[in-house]
């Protein structure tokens, strides 16, 4: 079967400003998502667990929920957000790895 991947647009030789912009935006996204993860897992799950335990939802103290379940759910959600946002960023800069789907019938 022939290679049907579309060619990746190449920048002019010596022009790596797009790489710097790509990396800057990638780092900004990582810092934002890691900050959210830190807030949920460390601040809400450890530092503020006592005040949050005064709030009871579904029979469980909210601080306990954040420490045991909430940080895991948020972490999985952040992984999904990162994957989707990086796919968009890759497409924007022409470095995505997805093949265009063809109807093979």
C-alpha atoms as a PDB file:
ATOM      1  CA  UNK A   1       0.000   0.000   0.000  1.00  0.00           C
ATOM      2  CA  UNK A   2       1.316   3.451  -0.852  1.00  0.00           C
ATOM      3  CA  UNK A   3       2.208   5.955   1.819  1.00  0.00           C
ATOM      4  CA  UNK A   4      -0.767   8.347   1.837  1.00  0.00           C
ATOM      5  CA  UNK A   5       0.388  10.680   4.580  1.00  0.00           C
ATOM      6  CA  UNK A   6       0.252  14.298   3.651  1.00  0.00           C
ATOM      7  CA  UNK A   7       3.586  16.089   3.581  1.00  0.00           C
ATOM      8  CA  UNK A   8       4.496  18.161   6.589  1.00  0.00           C
ATOM      9  CA  UNK A   9       4.978  21.826   5.692  1.00  0.00           C
ATOM     10  CA  UNK A  10       8.616  22.689   6.192  1.00  0.00           C
ATOM     11  CA  UNK A  11       9.727  26.150   7.333  1.00  0.00           C
ATOM     12  CA  UNK A  12      12.472  27.954   5.461  1.00  0.00           C
ATOM     13  CA  UNK A  13      15.995  26.760   6.344  1.00  0.00           C
ATOM     14  CA  UNK A  14      17.386  28.557   9.341  1.00  0.00           C
ATOM     15  CA  UNK A  15      13.981  29.866  10.459  1.00  0.00           C
ATOM     16  CA  UNK A  16      13.236  28.125  13.723  1.00  0.00           C
ATOM     17  CA  UNK A  17      10.968  30.798  15.213  1.00  0.00           C
ATOM     18  CA  UNK A  18       7.971  28.486  14.762  1.00  0.00           C
ATOM     19  CA  UNK A  19       9.722  25.897  16.955  1.00  0.00           C
ATOM     20  CA  UNK A  20      10.274  28.450  19.694  1.00  0.00           C
ATOM     21  CA  UNK A  21       6.609  29.513  19.545  1.00  0.00           C
ATOM     22  CA  UNK A  22       5.465  25.872  19.541  1.00  0.00           C
ATOM     23  CA  UNK A  23       7.626  25.076  22.566  1.00  0.00           C
ATOM     24  CA  UNK A  24       6.547  28.246  24.396  1.00  0.00           C
ATOM     25  CA  UNK A  25       2.874  27.389  23.951  1.00  0.00           C
ATOM     26  CA  UNK A  26       3.505  23.767  24.959  1.00  0.00           C
ATOM     27  CA  UNK A  27       5.254  24.885  28.158  1.00  0.00           C
ATOM     28  CA  UNK A  28       2.483  27.364  28.945  1.00  0.00           C
ATOM     29  CA  UNK A  29      -0.101  24.583  28.641  1.00  0.00           C
ATOM     30  CA  UNK A  30       1.961  22.222  30.820  1.00  0.00           C
ATOM     31  CA  UNK A  31       2.458  24.859  33.530  1.00  0.00           C
ATOM     32  CA  UNK A  32      -1.265  25.645  33.580  1.00  0.00           C
ATOM     33  CA  UNK A  33      -2.305  22.001  33.819  1.00  0.00           C
ATOM     34  CA  UNK A  34       0.349  21.141  36.416  1.00  0.00           C
ATOM     35  CA  UNK A  35      -0.765  24.141  38.485  1.00  0.00           C
ATOM     36  CA  UNK A  36      -4.348  22.868  38.446  1.00  0.00           C
ATOM     37  CA  UNK A  37      -3.124  19.406  39.422  1.00  0.00           C
ATOM     38  CA  UNK A  38      -1.043  20.872  42.282  1.00  0.00           C
ATOM     39  CA  UNK A  39      -3.997  22.929  43.499  1.00  0.00           C
ATOM     40  CA  UNK A  40      -6.366  19.971  43.550  1.00  0.00           C
ATOM     41  CA  UNK A  41      -4.011  17.287  44.867  1.00  0.00           C
ATOM     42  CA  UNK A  42      -1.829  19.207  47.309  1.00  0.00           C
ATOM     43  CA  UNK A  43      -3.746  22.310  48.349  1.00  0.00           C
ATOM     44  CA  UNK A  44      -7.278  20.874  48.431  1.00  0.00           C
ATOM     45  CA  UNK A  45      -6.265  17.294  49.287  1.00  0.00           C
ATOM     46  CA  UNK A  46      -3.729  18.068  52.024  1.00  0.00           C
ATOM     47  CA  UNK A  47      -3.571  21.697  53.167  1.00  0.00           C
ATOM     48  CA  UNK A  48      -7.281  22.492  53.132  1.00  0.00           C
ATOM     49  CA  UNK A  49      -8.568  19.027  54.004  1.00  0.00           C
ATOM     50  CA  UNK A  50      -9.842  20.016  57.475  1.00  0.00           C
ATOM     51  CA  UNK A  51     -11.971  23.007  56.376  1.00  0.00           C
ATOM     52  CA  UNK A  52     -13.277  21.001  53.397  1.00  0.00           C
ATOM     53  CA  UNK A  53     -14.263  18.121  55.695  1.00  0.00           C
ATOM     54  CA  UNK A  54     -16.957  20.390  57.156  1.00  0.00           C
ATOM     55  CA  UNK A  55     -18.760  20.098  53.807  1.00  0.00           C
ATOM     56  CA  UNK A  56     -20.453  16.728  53.369  1.00  0.00           C
ATOM     57  CA  UNK A  57     -21.604  15.561  49.935  1.00  0.00           C
ATOM     58  CA  UNK A  58     -23.182  12.147  49.478  1.00  0.00           C
ATOM     59  CA  UNK A  59     -22.270  11.163  53.042  1.00  0.00           C
ATOM     60  CA  UNK A  60     -18.547  11.801  52.572  1.00  0.00           C
ATOM     61  CA  UNK A  61     -16.520  14.803  53.725  1.00  0.00           C
ATOM     62  CA  UNK A  62     -15.376  16.881  50.753  1.00  0.00           C
ATOM     63  CA  UNK A  63     -11.748  16.968  51.968  1.00  0.00           C
ATOM     64  CA  UNK A  64     -11.680  13.179  52.113  1.00  0.00           C
ATOM     65  CA  UNK A  65     -13.135  12.982  48.609  1.00  0.00           C
ATOM     66  CA  UNK A  66     -10.478  15.341  47.192  1.00  0.00           C
ATOM     67  CA  UNK A  67      -7.693  13.434  48.923  1.00  0.00           C
ATOM     68  CA  UNK A  68      -8.912   9.975  47.867  1.00  0.00           C
ATOM     69  CA  UNK A  69     -10.808  10.354  44.590  1.00  0.00           C
ATOM     70  CA  UNK A  70     -10.955  13.933  43.347  1.00  0.00           C
ATOM     71  CA  UNK A  71      -7.264  14.342  42.620  1.00  0.00           C
ATOM     72  CA  UNK A  72      -7.243  11.115  40.578  1.00  0.00           C
ATOM     73  CA  UNK A  73     -10.297  12.166  38.537  1.00  0.00           C
ATOM     74  CA  UNK A  74      -8.825  15.605  37.928  1.00  0.00           C
ATOM     75  CA  UNK A  75      -5.471  14.095  36.915  1.00  0.00           C
ATOM     76  CA  UNK A  76      -7.125  11.824  34.315  1.00  0.00           C
ATOM     77  CA  UNK A  77      -9.177  14.770  33.039  1.00  0.00           C
ATOM     78  CA  UNK A  78      -6.007  16.888  32.740  1.00  0.00           C
ATOM     79  CA  UNK A  79      -4.330  14.140  30.691  1.00  0.00           C
ATOM     80  CA  UNK A  80      -7.268  14.157  28.289  1.00  0.00           C
ATOM     81  CA  UNK A  81      -7.230  17.962  28.064  1.00  0.00           C
ATOM     82  CA  UNK A  82      -3.484  17.913  27.364  1.00  0.00           C
ATOM     83  CA  UNK A  83      -3.870  15.321  24.604  1.00  0.00           C
ATOM     84  CA  UNK A  84      -6.667  17.259  22.875  1.00  0.00           C
ATOM     85  CA  UNK A  85      -4.918  20.628  23.170  1.00  0.00           C
ATOM     86  CA  UNK A  86      -1.610  19.220  21.915  1.00  0.00           C
ATOM     87  CA  UNK A  87      -3.366  17.628  18.929  1.00  0.00           C
ATOM     88  CA  UNK A  88      -4.748  21.060  18.054  1.00  0.00           C
ATOM     89  CA  UNK A  89      -1.361  22.702  18.559  1.00  0.00           C
ATOM     90  CA  UNK A  90       0.340  20.058  16.420  1.00  0.00           C
ATOM     91  CA  UNK A  91      -2.177  20.630  13.636  1.00  0.00           C
ATOM     92  CA  UNK A  92      -1.739  24.388  13.869  1.00  0.00           C
ATOM     93  CA  UNK A  93       2.029  24.080  13.421  1.00  0.00           C
ATOM     94  CA  UNK A  94       1.836  21.319  10.815  1.00  0.00           C
ATOM     95  CA  UNK A  95       3.553  18.663  12.909  1.00  0.00           C
ATOM     96  CA  UNK A  96       0.581  16.413  13.596  1.00  0.00           C
ATOM     97  CA  UNK A  97       1.004  12.700  13.051  1.00  0.00           C
ATOM     98  CA  UNK A  98      -2.531  11.768  12.068  1.00  0.00           C
ATOM     99  CA  UNK A  99      -3.101  10.210   8.699  1.00  0.00           C
ATOM    100  CA  UNK A 100      -5.962  11.491   6.659  1.00  0.00           C
ATOM    101  CA  UNK A 101      -8.578   8.803   6.633  1.00  0.00           C
ATOM    102  CA  UNK A 102      -9.514   7.539   3.220  1.00  0.00           C
ATOM    103  CA  UNK A 103     -12.570   5.569   2.257  1.00  0.00           C
ATOM    104  CA  UNK A 104     -11.055   2.193   1.349  1.00  0.00           C
ATOM    105  CA  UNK A 105     -14.267   0.606   0.054  1.00  0.00           C
END
